């Protein structure tokens, strides 16, 4: 295969990326802007014919950079305070810093109408900081122009619900800020509602409660011991509990919470961190440290768990949820492996790509960012970012060399 080398530079950024090996998909072209706000359009945005896929990256100092995966251009989005961790909904990057959650708008997003999609590009910007103390957990939905985003500050016990529609206009607006007993908790948006964890006398989560998005209690409480981990799927929002997962949905205008218990007799450790290709119904999680007990798959449509074997020690896993039931995992050796989601069989694996980054990652293992065709794995210590065609024997489609270590990477434009 012929190699192609493209130098990517931007004058205001002291960072260079070099792309090599492979060819990107056809670039999206601009189309007519939508006029219906219900289709995700915003003033100043341009509607595109294809998703503006990109990777928004932040280094340890807080420099924010966006890589456009269509034309391989990069742009500096500015600088934030040094981040401790990030979360993303596919448009915004929520970075935990010493003073709270700092929010970056990547300026690219997809509006999901279930049977079709709309794609947009606008000017990126750094929106500001939601103040709070202690470690923070962010819970997002799959829409970046409507609904809410939840932030729970463990140190102060503050549950904050942000207005995501206001974020899409460049405004930071809190729908509510509840003060509860400090604990390692969650506030999970669900339509026009939110689910907030509550701690028992020992300071550990033992239940969740439902609220309207103005902070009014809904009178709903459900047991959820040791709540840990959340994700929004095509079906609803998931909250992991020690003995089950809770599926939160809005049915006929009312908040409903359904328990999905683990299979009877299971001894595997519960799921604590869920990952998937955005908007799909199935989520994956490691069962035990390094997946010692296997890989949990939660099908929110069937409301059922599946436990797959771990082929080797793992650091993270994600469900692609495609026609081939694909699951992707990153091993402790820094390899990406492609698994069959029905039986856990290994279909393909790469050579070790990010071994040094995995060894040095601590609590922040390199994430797997997956779309319908490709997976992306960033190695800050190797100063490389890999694009992997997981359906083609885990072929390395493109490699981007970075002149600076990007500690955090989020897929945006999805």
Protein backbone atom coordinates (compact mmCIF):
# COMPACT_ATOMS: atom_id res chain seq x y z
CA UNK A 1 0.00 0.00 0.00
CA UNK A 2 1.34 3.44 -0.85
CA UNK A 3 1.99 5.73 2.07
CA UNK A 4 0.83 9.30 2.15
CA UNK A 5 2.40 11.87 4.47
CA UNK A 6 0.62 15.11 5.20
CA UNK A 7 2.08 17.85 7.39
CA UNK A 8 -0.56 19.53 9.56
CA UNK A 9 0.33 22.88 11.09
CA UNK A 10 -1.36 25.97 12.44
CA UNK A 11 0.49 29.20 13.05
CA UNK A 12 -0.93 29.99 16.48
CA UNK A 13 -0.28 26.52 17.89
CA UNK A 14 3.08 25.19 18.98
CA UNK A 15 1.91 21.65 18.24
CA UNK A 16 2.28 19.68 15.02
CA UNK A 17 0.53 16.55 13.84
CA UNK A 18 1.69 14.35 11.00
CA UNK A 19 -0.74 11.89 9.43
CA UNK A 20 0.54 8.85 7.60
CA UNK A 21 -0.70 5.53 6.24
CA UNK A 22 -4.17 5.41 4.74
CA UNK A 23 -6.71 7.81 3.32
CA UNK A 24 -9.52 9.60 5.20
CA UNK A 25 -13.14 9.28 4.08
CA UNK A 26 -14.65 11.77 1.67
CA UNK A 27 -15.02 15.13 3.38
CA UNK A 28 -18.50 16.43 4.22
CA UNK A 29 -19.80 19.30 2.15
CA UNK A 30 -21.90 22.19 3.36
CA UNK A 31 -25.60 22.16 2.69
CA UNK A 32 -28.53 24.41 3.41
CA UNK A 33 -28.95 25.34 7.05
CA UNK A 34 -31.94 23.89 8.85
CA UNK A 35 -34.57 26.34 9.99
CA UNK A 36 -36.29 24.12 12.58
CA UNK A 37 -34.67 24.39 16.01
CA UNK A 38 -35.99 20.91 16.78
CA UNK A 39 -33.45 19.58 14.29
CA UNK A 40 -30.45 20.77 16.26
CA UNK A 41 -29.68 23.90 14.26
CA UNK A 42 -28.31 26.99 16.01
CA UNK A 43 -27.68 30.56 14.89
CA UNK A 44 -24.33 30.74 13.12
CA UNK A 45 -24.13 27.00 12.43
CA UNK A 46 -23.69 25.45 8.99
CA UNK A 47 -25.51 22.21 8.21
CA UNK A 48 -23.35 19.50 6.63
CA UNK A 49 -24.21 16.44 4.59
CA UNK A 50 -22.04 14.08 6.66
CA UNK A 51 -20.93 13.98 10.31
CA UNK A 52 -17.99 16.33 11.04
CA UNK A 53 -16.00 13.68 12.86
CA UNK A 54 -13.07 14.89 14.93
CA UNK A 55 -11.00 14.36 18.04
CA UNK A 56 -10.76 17.09 20.66
CA UNK A 57 -7.59 16.69 22.72
CA UNK A 58 -6.24 18.34 25.86
CA UNK A 59 -2.68 18.11 27.14
CA UNK A 60 -1.57 18.17 30.78
CA UNK A 61 -1.13 21.95 30.74
CA UNK A 62 -4.68 22.52 29.43
CA UNK A 63 -3.97 23.29 25.77
CA UNK A 64 -7.05 22.30 23.75
CA UNK A 65 -6.61 21.10 20.16
CA UNK A 66 -9.13 19.79 17.62
CA UNK A 67 -8.19 17.34 14.86
CA UNK A 68 -10.61 17.21 11.91
CA UNK A 69 -10.66 13.58 10.76
CA UNK A 70 -11.95 14.49 7.29
CA UNK A 71 -9.28 16.91 6.08
CA UNK A 72 -6.65 16.21 8.79
CA UNK A 73 -6.47 19.87 9.75
CA UNK A 74 -5.91 20.94 13.33
CA UNK A 75 -7.02 24.00 15.22
CA UNK A 76 -6.19 25.52 18.57
CA UNK A 77 -9.33 26.01 20.67
CA UNK A 78 -7.54 27.82 23.49
CA UNK A 79 -6.32 26.92 26.97
CA UNK A 80 -8.08 25.81 30.12
CA UNK A 81 -6.77 25.06 33.61
CA UNK A 82 -4.78 21.80 33.89
CA UNK A 83 -7.35 18.98 33.65
CA UNK A 84 -7.71 15.99 35.97
CA UNK A 85 -10.13 14.11 33.74
CA UNK A 86 -12.72 14.69 31.01
CA UNK A 87 -16.14 13.59 29.82
CA UNK A 88 -17.89 14.34 26.53
CA UNK A 89 -21.32 14.07 24.91
CA UNK A 90 -19.92 14.21 21.37
CA UNK A 91 -19.88 18.01 21.19
CA UNK A 92 -18.80 19.44 24.54
CA UNK A 93 -15.76 18.41 26.51
CA UNK A 94 -16.27 18.69 30.27
CA UNK A 95 -12.86 18.96 31.93
CA UNK A 96 -12.45 18.57 35.68
CA UNK A 97 -10.03 21.15 37.07
CA UNK A 98 -9.06 22.39 40.54
CA UNK A 99 -11.99 24.83 40.60
CA UNK A 100 -14.78 22.80 38.98
CA UNK A 101 -15.82 21.68 35.51
CA UNK A 102 -14.52 23.77 32.61
CA UNK A 103 -16.53 23.35 29.40
CA UNK A 104 -15.17 23.39 25.85
CA UNK A 105 -17.55 23.58 22.88
CA UNK A 106 -15.85 21.76 19.98
CA UNK A 107 -18.25 23.46 17.54
CA UNK A 108 -19.21 20.20 15.78
CA UNK A 109 -22.21 18.01 16.53
CA UNK A 110 -24.77 15.51 15.25
CA UNK A 111 -28.49 15.81 15.95
CA UNK A 112 -30.11 12.38 16.29
CA UNK A 113 -33.70 12.02 15.10
CA UNK A 114 -33.62 8.19 15.42
CA UNK A 115 -34.45 7.49 11.76
CA UNK A 116 -32.16 10.20 10.36
CA UNK A 117 -29.49 12.65 11.47
CA UNK A 118 -28.49 16.29 10.98
CA UNK A 119 -24.87 17.44 11.12
CA UNK A 120 -23.55 20.88 12.06
CA UNK A 121 -20.41 22.97 12.36
CA UNK A 122 -20.10 26.27 14.23
CA UNK A 123 -17.33 28.30 15.85
CA UNK A 124 -15.71 26.46 18.78
CA UNK A 125 -15.21 28.24 22.09
CA UNK A 126 -14.37 27.78 25.74
CA UNK A 127 -17.62 28.44 27.61
CA UNK A 128 -16.46 28.82 31.21
CA UNK A 129 -16.45 26.93 34.50
CA UNK A 130 -19.14 25.35 36.66
CA UNK A 131 -17.73 25.87 40.15
CA UNK A 132 -17.51 22.98 42.58
CA UNK A 133 -15.28 21.15 45.06
CA UNK A 134 -13.79 17.70 45.07
CA UNK A 135 -13.81 15.00 42.40
CA UNK A 136 -16.63 15.47 39.91
CA UNK A 137 -18.67 13.03 37.82
CA UNK A 138 -20.34 14.24 34.63
CA UNK A 139 -23.37 12.51 33.09
CA UNK A 140 -24.46 13.49 29.56
CA UNK A 141 -27.20 12.60 27.10
CA UNK A 142 -26.89 11.97 23.36
CA UNK A 143 -28.23 15.39 22.33
CA UNK A 144 -26.09 18.51 22.59
CA UNK A 145 -28.76 21.11 21.86
CA UNK A 146 -31.52 20.03 24.25
CA UNK A 147 -32.09 18.43 27.63
CA UNK A 148 -29.60 18.59 30.48
CA UNK A 149 -26.15 17.60 31.68
CA UNK A 150 -25.52 16.37 35.22
CA UNK A 151 -22.49 17.16 37.40
CA UNK A 152 -21.98 15.75 40.90
CA UNK A 153 -19.26 17.23 43.11
CA UNK A 154 -18.18 14.64 45.67
CA UNK A 155 -16.36 17.03 47.97
CA UNK A 156 -19.29 19.39 48.54
CA UNK A 157 -22.18 17.03 47.85
CA UNK A 158 -23.60 19.37 45.20
CA UNK A 159 -25.76 17.89 42.43
CA UNK A 160 -25.88 20.31 39.49
CA UNK A 161 -28.15 20.02 36.46
CA UNK A 162 -27.01 22.19 33.54
CA UNK A 163 -29.30 23.40 30.78
CA UNK A 164 -27.72 21.84 27.65
CA UNK A 165 -29.88 23.91 25.31
CA UNK A 166 -28.44 27.04 26.93
CA UNK A 167 -24.93 25.59 26.46
CA UNK A 168 -25.64 25.37 22.74
CA UNK A 169 -26.14 29.16 22.78
CA UNK A 170 -22.88 29.67 24.67
CA UNK A 171 -24.53 30.19 28.07
CA UNK A 172 -23.90 28.44 31.40
CA UNK A 173 -27.28 28.04 33.09
CA UNK A 174 -28.01 25.75 36.05
CA UNK A 175 -31.48 24.24 36.15
CA UNK A 176 -30.85 23.25 39.76
CA UNK A 177 -28.08 22.85 42.32
CA UNK A 178 -29.03 20.53 45.16
CA UNK A 179 -26.99 20.17 48.33
CA UNK A 180 -26.90 16.62 49.68
CA UNK A 181 -24.54 14.73 51.98
CA UNK A 182 -21.07 14.60 50.36
CA UNK A 183 -20.45 11.22 48.73
CA UNK A 184 -19.18 9.63 45.54
CA UNK A 185 -22.40 10.26 43.66
CA UNK A 186 -24.19 10.93 40.40
CA UNK A 187 -26.81 13.24 38.93
CA UNK A 188 -28.13 11.65 35.74
CA UNK A 189 -30.32 13.60 33.27
CA UNK A 190 -33.33 11.76 31.84
CA UNK A 191 -35.49 13.86 29.52
CA UNK A 192 -37.09 16.60 31.63
CA UNK A 193 -36.08 14.78 34.82
CA UNK A 194 -32.92 13.81 36.69
CA UNK A 195 -31.92 10.94 38.96
CA UNK A 196 -29.69 11.82 41.95
CA UNK A 197 -27.87 9.40 44.23
CA UNK A 198 -28.37 9.54 48.00
CA UNK A 199 -26.04 8.23 50.68
CA UNK A 200 -26.88 6.07 53.67
CA UNK A 201 -25.55 6.53 57.23
CA UNK A 202 -22.18 5.03 56.22
CA UNK A 203 -21.66 7.66 53.52
CA UNK A 204 -22.07 5.16 50.67
CA UNK A 205 -24.80 5.37 48.07
CA UNK A 206 -27.77 3.16 48.90
CA UNK A 207 -30.55 4.63 46.74
CA UNK A 208 -31.44 7.09 44.00
CA UNK A 209 -34.23 9.66 43.88
CA UNK A 210 -36.07 11.28 40.98
CA UNK A 211 -36.37 15.04 40.45
CA UNK A 212 -38.00 17.30 37.92
CA UNK A 213 -35.51 19.42 36.02
CA UNK A 214 -36.40 22.41 38.21
CA UNK A 215 -35.24 20.51 41.31
CA UNK A 216 -38.69 19.52 42.58
CA UNK A 217 -38.76 15.98 44.07
CA UNK A 218 -40.75 13.47 42.05
CA UNK A 219 -41.42 11.23 45.03
CA UNK A 220 -39.53 8.31 43.46
CA UNK A 221 -36.84 6.43 45.38
CA UNK A 222 -35.26 3.14 44.30
CA UNK A 223 -32.58 1.07 46.03
CA UNK A 224 -29.21 1.20 44.28
CA UNK A 225 -26.39 0.11 46.62
CA UNK A 226 -22.90 1.36 45.74
CA UNK A 227 -24.07 3.20 42.62
CA UNK A 228 -21.15 3.57 40.23
CA UNK A 229 -21.03 4.42 36.53
CA UNK A 230 -23.61 5.81 34.13
CA UNK A 231 -24.20 6.07 30.39
CA UNK A 232 -27.05 7.14 28.12
CA UNK A 233 -27.94 4.56 25.47
CA UNK A 234 -30.46 4.57 22.62
CA UNK A 235 -33.06 3.29 25.11
CA UNK A 236 -32.43 5.34 28.24
CA UNK A 237 -29.95 6.26 30.95
CA UNK A 238 -28.11 3.50 32.81
CA UNK A 239 -26.89 3.63 36.42
CA UNK A 240 -24.78 0.79 37.75
CA UNK A 241 -25.60 -0.67 41.17
CA UNK A 242 -23.89 -3.45 43.13
CA UNK A 243 -26.66 -5.95 42.36
CA UNK A 244 -28.21 -4.61 39.15
CA UNK A 245 -28.37 -1.76 36.69
CA UNK A 246 -31.13 0.82 36.75
CA UNK A 247 -32.61 1.85 33.40
CA UNK A 248 -34.13 5.34 33.61
CA UNK A 249 -36.64 6.34 30.93
CA UNK A 250 -39.46 8.80 30.36
CA UNK A 251 -42.68 6.92 29.61
CA UNK A 252 -45.88 8.84 28.86
CA UNK A 253 -44.33 11.94 30.40
CA UNK A 254 -43.33 10.20 33.62
CA UNK A 255 -39.95 9.10 34.95
CA UNK A 256 -39.60 5.32 35.26
CA UNK A 257 -36.76 3.33 36.85
CA UNK A 258 -36.42 -0.36 35.92
CA UNK A 259 -34.06 -2.76 37.66
CA UNK A 260 -32.02 -5.07 35.43
CA UNK A 261 -30.55 -7.61 37.88
CA UNK A 262 -27.38 -9.54 37.20
CA UNK A 263 -27.89 -13.16 36.13
CA UNK A 264 -28.81 -15.45 39.05
CA UNK A 265 -25.81 -17.04 40.72
CA UNK A 266 -23.20 -14.76 39.17
CA UNK A 267 -20.06 -14.15 41.20
CA UNK A 268 -18.46 -11.69 38.78
CA UNK A 269 -17.73 -8.18 40.02
CA UNK A 270 -20.35 -5.60 39.03
CA UNK A 271 -19.89 -3.09 36.21
CA UNK A 272 -18.55 0.27 37.37
CA UNK A 273 -17.75 2.13 34.13
CA UNK A 274 -19.85 1.81 30.96
CA UNK A 275 -18.70 2.54 27.40
CA UNK A 276 -20.20 2.24 23.92
CA UNK A 277 -20.37 3.76 20.48
CA UNK A 278 -22.48 6.78 21.19
CA UNK A 279 -26.22 6.30 21.06
CA UNK A 280 -26.23 2.51 20.68
CA UNK A 281 -28.40 0.30 22.94
CA UNK A 282 -25.61 -1.93 24.31
CA UNK A 283 -22.91 -0.84 26.76
CA UNK A 284 -19.78 -2.69 27.86
CA UNK A 285 -17.91 -2.71 31.16
CA UNK A 286 -15.08 -4.61 32.77
CA UNK A 287 -16.04 -7.14 35.44
CA UNK A 288 -13.39 -6.72 38.10
CA UNK A 289 -9.97 -5.12 37.94
CA UNK A 290 -8.39 -5.61 34.50
CA UNK A 291 -11.49 -7.59 33.52
CA UNK A 292 -10.44 -10.42 35.82
CA UNK A 293 -14.03 -11.73 35.87
CA UNK A 294 -14.76 -10.99 32.21
CA UNK A 295 -16.59 -8.33 30.24
CA UNK A 296 -20.16 -7.32 31.00
CA UNK A 297 -22.45 -6.40 28.11
CA UNK A 298 -25.72 -4.69 29.03
CA UNK A 299 -28.37 -4.77 26.30
CA UNK A 300 -30.79 -2.04 27.36
CA UNK A 301 -33.25 -2.96 24.64
CA UNK A 302 -33.54 -6.58 25.81
CA UNK A 303 -32.86 -5.54 29.45
CA UNK A 304 -30.35 -8.36 29.80
CA UNK A 305 -26.72 -8.91 30.82
CA UNK A 306 -24.14 -11.09 29.07
CA UNK A 307 -20.78 -12.00 30.62
CA UNK A 308 -18.00 -12.59 28.08
CA UNK A 309 -14.61 -14.07 28.96
CA UNK A 310 -11.59 -11.75 29.02
CA UNK A 311 -8.93 -13.08 26.64
CA UNK A 312 -6.19 -11.29 28.61
CA UNK A 313 -5.88 -8.45 31.18
CA UNK A 314 -7.65 -5.32 29.94
CA UNK A 315 -7.73 -1.63 30.83
CA UNK A 316 -10.91 -0.57 29.01
CA UNK A 317 -13.62 -1.95 26.77
CA UNK A 318 -16.40 -0.55 24.58
CA UNK A 319 -19.40 -1.97 22.71
CA UNK A 320 -19.65 -1.02 19.04
CA UNK A 321 -23.09 -2.65 18.83
CA UNK A 322 -23.07 -3.17 15.06
CA UNK A 323 -24.43 -5.97 12.88
CA UNK A 324 -21.40 -8.08 13.77
CA UNK A 325 -21.84 -7.62 17.55
CA UNK A 326 -18.38 -6.11 17.84
CA UNK A 327 -16.68 -5.34 21.16
CA UNK A 328 -13.34 -3.50 21.34
CA UNK A 329 -10.88 -3.77 24.21
CA UNK A 330 -7.51 -2.27 25.09
CA UNK A 331 -5.11 -4.65 26.79
CA UNK A 332 -2.55 -3.96 29.50
CA UNK A 333 0.09 -4.47 26.78
CA UNK A 334 -1.39 -1.58 24.79
CA UNK A 335 -2.99 -3.68 22.04
CA UNK A 336 -6.46 -3.06 20.63
CA UNK A 337 -8.32 -6.35 20.27
CA UNK A 338 -11.55 -6.96 18.38
CA UNK A 339 -13.95 -9.38 20.08
CA UNK A 340 -17.10 -11.19 19.04
CA UNK A 341 -19.88 -9.84 21.25
CA UNK A 342 -21.73 -13.16 21.26
CA UNK A 343 -19.00 -15.41 22.67
CA UNK A 344 -15.94 -13.24 23.36
CA UNK A 345 -13.80 -14.86 20.65
CA UNK A 346 -10.87 -12.73 19.48
CA UNK A 347 -11.31 -11.76 15.82
CA UNK A 348 -8.23 -9.58 15.44
CA UNK A 349 -5.58 -7.74 17.41
CA UNK A 350 -3.00 -5.06 16.80
CA UNK A 351 0.61 -5.01 17.85
CA UNK A 352 1.25 -3.15 21.11
CA UNK A 353 0.47 0.46 20.22
CA UNK A 354 0.29 2.39 23.50
CA UNK A 355 2.12 0.20 26.02
CA UNK A 356 3.98 3.09 27.66
CA UNK A 357 0.81 5.17 27.99
CA UNK A 358 -1.11 2.28 29.54
CA UNK A 359 1.71 1.60 32.00
CA UNK A 360 1.81 5.28 32.98
CA UNK A 361 -1.93 5.99 32.88
CA UNK A 362 -2.89 5.43 36.53
CA UNK A 363 -6.62 6.05 36.84
CA UNK A 364 -6.85 7.52 33.31
CA UNK A 365 -6.37 4.67 30.85
CA UNK A 366 -6.30 5.70 27.18
CA UNK A 367 -9.91 5.63 25.96
CA UNK A 368 -11.24 3.86 22.89
CA UNK A 369 -13.22 6.28 20.72
CA UNK A 370 -15.33 4.30 18.25
CA UNK A 371 -17.64 5.21 15.41
CA UNK A 372 -19.37 2.97 12.90
CA UNK A 373 -16.18 2.19 10.95
CA UNK A 374 -13.08 3.16 12.88
CA UNK A 375 -11.66 3.19 16.38
CA UNK A 376 -9.21 5.74 17.76
CA UNK A 377 -6.64 5.18 20.50
CA UNK A 378 -4.34 7.93 21.74
CA UNK A 379 -0.94 7.31 23.29
CA UNK A 380 0.28 10.46 25.07
CA UNK A 381 3.59 8.88 26.04
CA UNK A 382 4.18 7.56 22.51
CA UNK A 383 2.90 10.90 21.18
CA UNK A 384 0.87 9.06 18.59
CA UNK A 385 -2.82 8.70 17.79
CA UNK A 386 -3.96 5.59 15.93
CA UNK A 387 -6.97 5.16 13.64
CA UNK A 388 -7.89 1.47 13.42
CA UNK A 389 -10.21 -0.20 10.92
CA UNK A 390 -11.59 -2.81 13.31
CA UNK A 391 -13.63 -4.59 10.61
CA UNK A 392 -10.52 -5.11 8.46
CA UNK A 393 -8.43 -7.32 10.72
CA UNK A 394 -7.65 -4.37 13.05
CA UNK A 395 -5.69 -2.64 10.30
CA UNK A 396 -3.95 0.61 11.23
CA UNK A 397 -5.60 2.99 8.78
CA UNK A 398 -3.82 6.20 9.82
CA UNK A 399 -1.25 7.22 12.39
CA UNK A 400 -0.94 10.78 13.67
CA UNK A 401 2.34 11.82 15.27
CA UNK A 402 1.88 14.55 17.87
CA UNK A 403 4.53 17.00 18.97
CA UNK A 404 3.00 17.16 22.46
CA UNK A 405 1.47 14.50 24.73
CA UNK A 406 -2.33 14.85 24.69
CA UNK A 407 -3.39 13.25 27.96
CA UNK A 408 -7.14 13.38 27.22
CA UNK A 409 -9.00 12.66 23.99
CA UNK A 410 -12.72 12.86 23.17
CA UNK A 411 -14.56 11.98 19.99
CA UNK A 412 -16.58 14.98 18.81
CA UNK A 413 -18.93 15.69 15.92
CA UNK A 414 -20.78 12.44 16.67
